[in-house]
Amino acid sequence: GTECMAGFVIDAVTGQRKALLQYGAGYEWSPNKKFVSAYNYSGQYGITVGDKKEKVLLSIKREHDLNDSKRLDWETRAMWSPDSQKLALIIKKESEEKMELLTFDAQNNFKQIFQTDIEYSREYELFWSNDSKKMNWGNLNIVFRDNSR
């Protein structure tokens, strides 16, 4: 639950450290291994996305609502599309007891390309189609064309 995790990029041939990644906790690489996402929980919740060279590319952090009886801020989820061109994020809305689904275009400086409020349930899973053009959450089906909805 803290930001105490670090990742290292090591040259496999020389064994030398190339980078120290301190983006958050629970690191997940994009399928093409160009980007890494990490969750933030300490003080604020959200995600940070970076590259292998210690550069932050996207950071979404929101304040914890200690009065939130459901603690939806702990339910943040991020998932890369199979082609690594999009990142979907499920996160609690700021100052509301609702969740939202955001999608970002990794090829366009992580520009937000989609947003919708969602009905949150732990029973739902976020799925991408193999061609990265469709995303599903529960009964919500989203189709992307040319990096747009």
Protein backbone atom coordinates (compact mmCIF):
# COMPACT_ATOMS: atom_id res chain seq x y z
CA GLY A 1 0.00 0.00 0.00
CA THR A 2 2.95 2.37 -0.26
CA GLU A 3 5.06 3.74 -3.07
CA CYS A 4 8.06 1.74 -1.87
CA MET A 5 8.49 -0.50 -4.92
CA ALA A 6 11.20 0.16 -7.45
CA GLY A 7 12.03 -1.46 -10.75
CA PHE A 8 15.43 -1.67 -12.35
CA VAL A 9 16.29 -1.84 -16.03
CA ILE A 10 19.43 -3.96 -16.33
CA ASP A 11 21.53 -4.55 -19.44
CA ALA A 12 21.40 -8.34 -19.77
CA VAL A 13 24.83 -8.50 -21.42
CA THR A 14 26.87 -6.21 -19.17
CA GLY A 15 24.79 -6.48 -16.00
CA GLN A 16 24.87 -2.70 -15.60
CA ARG A 17 21.86 -0.82 -14.33
CA LYS A 18 20.35 1.40 -17.02
CA ALA A 19 17.47 2.93 -15.05
CA LEU A 20 15.77 3.02 -11.66
CA LEU A 21 11.99 3.17 -12.05
CA GLN A 22 10.10 4.53 -9.05
CA TYR A 23 6.61 5.05 -10.40
CA GLY A 24 4.53 3.37 -7.69
CA ALA A 25 3.56 -0.20 -6.79
CA GLY A 26 2.43 -3.18 -8.85
CA TYR A 27 4.37 -2.54 -12.05
CA GLU A 28 2.90 -3.83 -15.33
CA TRP A 29 4.69 -3.55 -18.67
CA SER A 30 2.84 -2.84 -21.89
CA PRO A 31 2.92 -5.84 -24.27
CA ASN A 32 5.60 -4.15 -26.42
CA LYS A 33 7.68 -3.41 -23.27
CA LYS A 34 7.97 0.32 -24.10
CA PHE A 35 5.82 1.56 -21.21
CA VAL A 36 5.19 0.55 -17.62
CA SER A 37 2.22 1.43 -15.42
CA ALA A 38 2.23 1.45 -11.63
CA TYR A 39 -0.44 2.07 -9.02
CA ASN A 40 -0.31 4.87 -6.46
CA TYR A 41 -1.79 4.39 -2.99
CA SER A 42 0.29 6.43 -0.58
CA GLY A 43 -1.42 9.74 0.19
CA GLN A 44 -3.15 9.69 -3.19
CA TYR A 45 -4.53 6.97 -5.43
CA GLY A 46 -4.21 6.55 -9.18
CA ILE A 47 -1.58 5.48 -11.68
CA THR A 48 1.71 6.63 -13.08
CA VAL A 49 2.94 5.56 -16.51
CA GLY A 50 6.57 5.82 -17.50
CA ASP A 51 9.16 4.53 -19.88
CA LYS A 52 12.38 2.55 -19.41
CA LYS A 53 14.39 5.75 -19.06
CA GLU A 54 12.82 7.07 -15.83
CA LYS A 55 10.53 9.50 -17.68
CA VAL A 56 6.95 9.96 -16.40
CA LEU A 57 4.54 9.99 -19.36
CA LEU A 58 1.18 10.09 -17.55
CA SER A 59 0.25 10.61 -13.92
CA ILE A 60 -3.28 10.58 -12.59
CA LYS A 61 -3.48 11.00 -8.84
CA ARG A 62 -6.49 11.81 -6.73
CA GLU A 63 -6.96 12.47 -3.04
CA HIS A 64 -8.23 9.65 -0.82
CA ASP A 65 -11.73 10.20 0.53
CA LEU A 66 -11.51 8.82 4.05
CA ASN A 67 -15.30 9.11 4.39
CA ASP A 68 -15.83 6.73 1.45
CA SER A 69 -17.45 3.72 3.11
CA LYS A 70 -16.89 1.56 0.01
CA ARG A 71 -13.26 2.71 -0.41
CA LEU A 72 -13.65 2.77 -4.16
CA ASP A 73 -10.30 4.54 -4.41
CA TRP A 74 -8.65 1.15 -3.76
CA GLU A 75 -10.40 -0.37 -6.80
CA THR A 76 -8.25 1.38 -9.43
CA ARG A 77 -7.43 -0.89 -12.37
CA ALA A 78 -5.36 -0.30 -15.49
CA MET A 79 -5.03 -2.54 -18.54
CA TRP A 80 -2.96 -2.23 -21.70
CA SER A 81 -4.44 -3.05 -25.08
CA PRO A 82 -2.75 -6.03 -26.79
CA ASP A 83 -1.07 -3.71 -29.33
CA SER A 84 0.22 -1.40 -26.51
CA GLN A 85 -1.38 1.62 -28.18
CA LYS A 86 -4.08 2.21 -25.56
CA LEU A 87 -4.34 2.13 -21.80
CA ALA A 88 -7.72 1.69 -20.11
CA LEU A 89 -8.13 2.96 -16.56
CA ILE A 90 -10.94 2.31 -14.12
CA ILE A 91 -10.76 4.81 -11.28
CA LYS A 92 -13.01 6.44 -8.69
CA LYS A 93 -14.21 9.84 -9.78
CA GLU A 94 -12.95 12.76 -7.78
CA SER A 95 -15.38 13.83 -5.02
CA GLU A 96 -18.03 11.35 -6.17
CA GLU A 97 -19.08 7.85 -5.14
CA LYS A 98 -18.86 6.66 -8.74
CA MET A 99 -16.30 5.01 -10.93
CA GLU A 100 -15.27 6.01 -14.42
CA LEU A 101 -13.55 4.34 -17.33
CA LEU A 102 -10.88 6.39 -19.09
CA THR A 103 -8.85 5.38 -22.13
CA PHE A 104 -5.59 6.95 -23.27
CA ASP A 105 -3.74 6.88 -26.60
CA ALA A 106 -0.16 5.82 -25.83
CA GLN A 107 0.97 6.78 -29.35
CA ASN A 108 -0.28 10.37 -28.92
CA ASN A 109 1.36 11.42 -25.61
CA PHE A 110 -1.29 9.55 -23.62
CA LYS A 111 -4.05 11.86 -24.77
CA GLN A 112 -7.39 10.88 -23.24
CA ILE A 113 -9.59 9.47 -26.02
CA PHE A 114 -12.56 8.10 -24.08
CA GLN A 115 -14.41 8.64 -20.79
CA THR A 116 -17.63 7.24 -19.36
CA ASP A 117 -19.11 6.70 -15.92
CA ILE A 118 -19.48 3.02 -15.15
CA GLU A 119 -21.37 0.78 -12.78
CA TYR A 120 -18.60 -0.79 -10.74
CA SER A 121 -18.61 -4.43 -9.68
CA ARG A 122 -15.74 -6.69 -8.66
CA GLU A 123 -17.47 -9.38 -10.70
CA TYR A 124 -16.76 -7.51 -13.94
CA GLU A 125 -13.49 -7.87 -15.82
CA LEU A 126 -12.00 -5.46 -18.29
CA PHE A 127 -11.29 -7.13 -21.63
CA TRP A 128 -9.61 -5.99 -24.84
CA SER A 129 -10.20 -7.75 -28.15
CA ASN A 130 -7.11 -9.33 -29.74
CA ASP A 131 -7.00 -6.56 -32.37
CA SER A 132 -7.24 -3.82 -29.67
CA LYS A 133 -10.25 -2.23 -31.38
CA LYS A 134 -12.86 -3.30 -28.81
CA MET A 135 -13.01 -3.08 -25.05
CA ASN A 136 -15.61 -4.61 -22.74
CA TRP A 137 -16.57 -3.88 -19.14
CA GLY A 138 -19.63 -5.78 -17.92
CA ASN A 139 -22.34 -5.06 -20.48
CA LEU A 140 -20.50 -1.99 -21.84
CA ASN A 141 -18.92 -2.55 -25.27
CA ILE A 142 -16.67 0.14 -26.73
CA VAL A 143 -15.37 0.17 -30.31
CA PHE A 144 -12.33 2.28 -31.23
CA ARG A 145 -11.71 3.47 -34.78
CA ASP A 146 -8.51 5.35 -35.62
CA ASN A 147 -7.73 6.02 -31.93
CA SER A 148 -11.22 7.34 -31.24
CA ARG A 149 -14.51 5.93 -30.06
